[in-house]
Amino acid sequence: MSTAEARVVVFDLARLRDDGVTTLKTAYRTAARLHHPDHHHGIGDAAFKRLSEAASVLKAAGLL
């Protein structure tokens, strides 16, 4: 997964648009809150795993 794809995943899961105003960190926190398995039992497991993979790519690139 490239950093551009990871950025798209984060904004999609946060249900926000990448408009230049919302930061990547804010979008990540919003997405994590929406899809965390502790808050949504069984519903957000796959989405949270995808978000975690995107976050690891972005952290390795120094963007998150």
N, C-alpha and C. Protein backbone atom coordinates (compact mmCIF):
# COMPACT_ATOMS: atom_id res chain seq x y z
N MET A 1 0.85 -1.16 0.00
CA MET A 1 0.00 0.00 0.00
C MET A 1 0.91 1.24 0.00
N SER A 2 0.62 2.16 -0.89
CA SER A 2 1.40 3.39 -0.95
C SER A 2 0.86 4.40 0.05
N THR A 3 1.60 5.47 0.26
CA THR A 3 1.14 6.49 1.20
C THR A 3 -0.11 7.20 0.69
N ALA A 4 -0.23 7.36 -0.61
CA ALA A 4 -1.43 7.99 -1.17
C ALA A 4 -2.66 7.11 -0.95
N GLU A 5 -2.50 5.81 -1.15
CA GLU A 5 -3.60 4.88 -0.91
C GLU A 5 -3.97 4.85 0.57
N ALA A 6 -2.96 4.87 1.43
CA ALA A 6 -3.21 4.85 2.87
C ALA A 6 -3.95 6.11 3.30
N ARG A 7 -3.60 7.24 2.73
CA ARG A 7 -4.28 8.50 3.04
C ARG A 7 -5.76 8.43 2.63
N VAL A 8 -6.02 7.85 1.46
CA VAL A 8 -7.40 7.70 0.99
C VAL A 8 -8.18 6.78 1.92
N VAL A 9 -7.56 5.70 2.37
CA VAL A 9 -8.22 4.76 3.29
C VAL A 9 -8.61 5.48 4.58
N VAL A 10 -7.69 6.26 5.13
CA VAL A 10 -7.96 6.96 6.40
C VAL A 10 -9.12 7.93 6.24
N PHE A 11 -9.11 8.73 5.19
CA PHE A 11 -10.19 9.70 4.99
C PHE A 11 -11.52 9.01 4.67
N ASP A 12 -11.47 7.92 3.92
CA ASP A 12 -12.71 7.18 3.62
C ASP A 12 -13.32 6.59 4.88
N LEU A 13 -12.51 5.96 5.72
CA LEU A 13 -13.02 5.36 6.93
C LEU A 13 -13.48 6.40 7.95
N ALA A 14 -12.92 7.60 7.87
CA ALA A 14 -13.35 8.67 8.77
C ALA A 14 -14.60 9.37 8.25
N ARG A 15 -14.98 9.05 7.03
CA ARG A 15 -16.13 9.67 6.37
C ARG A 15 -15.94 11.17 6.23
N LEU A 16 -14.69 11.56 5.91
CA LEU A 16 -14.35 12.96 5.70
C LEU A 16 -13.73 13.11 4.32
N ARG A 17 -13.72 14.35 3.82
CA ARG A 17 -13.05 14.58 2.54
C ARG A 17 -11.67 15.18 2.80
N ASP A 18 -10.77 14.88 1.93
CA ASP A 18 -9.42 15.42 2.00
C ASP A 18 -9.44 16.77 1.32
N ASP A 19 -9.84 17.80 2.06
CA ASP A 19 -10.03 19.12 1.49
C ASP A 19 -8.90 20.09 1.81
N GLY A 20 -7.89 19.63 2.51
CA GLY A 20 -6.77 20.49 2.86
C GLY A 20 -6.97 21.19 4.19
N VAL A 21 -8.18 21.16 4.73
CA VAL A 21 -8.45 21.79 6.01
C VAL A 21 -8.34 20.76 7.13
N THR A 22 -8.91 19.59 6.92
CA THR A 22 -8.87 18.51 7.90
C THR A 22 -7.51 17.84 7.82
N THR A 23 -6.84 17.73 8.96
CA THR A 23 -5.52 17.11 8.96
C THR A 23 -5.64 15.59 8.94
N LEU A 24 -4.58 14.97 8.54
CA LEU A 24 -4.54 13.51 8.49
C LEU A 24 -4.68 12.92 9.89
N LYS A 25 -4.07 13.56 10.87
CA LYS A 25 -4.15 13.08 12.24
C LYS A 25 -5.60 13.12 12.75
N THR A 26 -6.32 14.18 12.44
CA THR A 26 -7.72 14.31 12.84
C THR A 26 -8.56 13.23 12.17
N ALA A 27 -8.32 13.00 10.89
CA ALA A 27 -9.06 11.98 10.16
C ALA A 27 -8.77 10.60 10.73
N TYR A 28 -7.52 10.34 11.09
CA TYR A 28 -7.17 9.04 11.67
C TYR A 28 -7.89 8.83 13.00
N ARG A 29 -7.87 9.84 13.85
CA ARG A 29 -8.53 9.72 15.16
C ARG A 29 -10.03 9.51 15.01
N THR A 30 -10.64 10.21 14.07
CA THR A 30 -12.07 10.06 13.81
C THR A 30 -12.38 8.65 13.33
N ALA A 31 -11.58 8.15 12.39
CA ALA A 31 -11.79 6.81 11.86
C ALA A 31 -11.59 5.75 12.94
N ALA A 32 -10.58 5.93 13.77
CA ALA A 32 -10.33 4.97 14.85
C ALA A 32 -11.49 4.95 15.83
N ARG A 33 -12.04 6.11 16.13
CA ARG A 33 -13.18 6.18 17.05
C ARG A 33 -14.41 5.51 16.44
N LEU A 34 -14.61 5.69 15.15
CA LEU A 34 -15.78 5.12 14.48
C LEU A 34 -15.72 3.61 14.34
N HIS A 35 -14.53 3.06 14.18
CA HIS A 35 -14.39 1.64 13.84
C HIS A 35 -13.70 0.79 14.89
N HIS A 36 -13.42 1.34 16.07
CA HIS A 36 -12.71 0.58 17.09
C HIS A 36 -13.55 -0.61 17.56
N PRO A 37 -12.98 -1.80 17.61
CA PRO A 37 -13.74 -3.00 17.99
C PRO A 37 -14.30 -2.98 19.41
N ASP A 38 -13.70 -2.23 20.31
CA ASP A 38 -14.23 -2.16 21.67
C ASP A 38 -15.56 -1.42 21.74
N HIS A 39 -15.78 -0.53 20.79
CA HIS A 39 -17.01 0.24 20.79
C HIS A 39 -18.08 -0.34 19.88
N HIS A 40 -17.67 -1.06 18.86
CA HIS A 40 -18.60 -1.65 17.90
C HIS A 40 -18.26 -3.13 17.75
N HIS A 41 -18.78 -3.92 18.61
CA HIS A 41 -18.43 -5.34 18.70
C HIS A 41 -18.73 -6.09 17.41
N GLY A 42 -17.65 -6.52 16.73
CA GLY A 42 -17.78 -7.34 15.54
C GLY A 42 -18.05 -6.57 14.26
N ILE A 43 -18.50 -5.33 14.36
CA ILE A 43 -18.86 -4.58 13.17
C ILE A 43 -17.63 -3.99 12.49
N GLY A 44 -16.75 -3.39 13.27
CA GLY A 44 -15.65 -2.64 12.68
C GLY A 44 -14.33 -3.38 12.64
N ASP A 45 -14.33 -4.69 12.87
CA ASP A 45 -13.07 -5.42 12.94
C ASP A 45 -12.26 -5.33 11.65
N ALA A 46 -12.88 -5.58 10.52
CA ALA A 46 -12.16 -5.54 9.24
C ALA A 46 -11.74 -4.12 8.89
N ALA A 47 -12.61 -3.18 9.16
CA ALA A 47 -12.29 -1.78 8.87
C ALA A 47 -11.16 -1.30 9.76
N PHE A 48 -11.17 -1.68 11.02
CA PHE A 48 -10.12 -1.25 11.94
C PHE A 48 -8.78 -1.87 11.56
N LYS A 49 -8.80 -3.11 11.08
CA LYS A 49 -7.56 -3.76 10.64
C LYS A 49 -7.00 -3.02 9.43
N ARG A 50 -7.88 -2.64 8.50
CA ARG A 50 -7.46 -1.89 7.32
C ARG A 50 -6.90 -0.52 7.72
N LEU A 51 -7.54 0.12 8.70
CA LEU A 51 -7.07 1.40 9.20
C LEU A 51 -5.70 1.26 9.85
N SER A 52 -5.50 0.20 10.60
CA SER A 52 -4.21 -0.05 11.25
C SER A 52 -3.09 -0.24 10.23
N GLU A 53 -3.39 -0.95 9.15
CA GLU A 53 -2.39 -1.15 8.10
C GLU A 53 -2.04 0.18 7.44
N ALA A 54 -3.06 1.00 7.18
CA ALA A 54 -2.82 2.31 6.58
C ALA A 54 -2.01 3.20 7.52
N ALA A 55 -2.31 3.13 8.81
CA ALA A 55 -1.59 3.94 9.79
C ALA A 55 -0.13 3.53 9.87
N SER A 56 0.15 2.24 9.77
CA SER A 56 1.55 1.81 9.84
C SER A 56 2.34 2.32 8.64
N VAL A 57 1.72 2.36 7.48
CA VAL A 57 2.38 2.90 6.28
C VAL A 57 2.64 4.39 6.46
N LEU A 58 1.64 5.10 6.96
CA LEU A 58 1.78 6.55 7.14
C LEU A 58 2.78 6.89 8.24
N LYS A 59 2.82 6.09 9.30
CA LYS A 59 3.80 6.34 10.38
C LYS A 59 5.21 6.08 9.88
N ALA A 60 5.39 5.05 9.05
CA ALA A 60 6.72 4.76 8.52
C ALA A 60 7.22 5.88 7.61
N ALA A 61 6.27 6.55 6.95
CA ALA A 61 6.63 7.66 6.07
C ALA A 61 6.74 8.99 6.83
N GLY A 62 6.41 8.98 8.12
CA GLY A 62 6.50 10.18 8.93
C GLY A 62 5.35 11.14 8.73
N LEU A 63 4.23 10.66 8.22
CA LEU A 63 3.08 11.52 7.96
C LEU A 63 2.04 11.48 9.06
N LEU A 64 2.17 10.54 9.95
CA LEU A 64 1.16 10.41 11.02
C LEU A 64 1.82 10.34 12.36
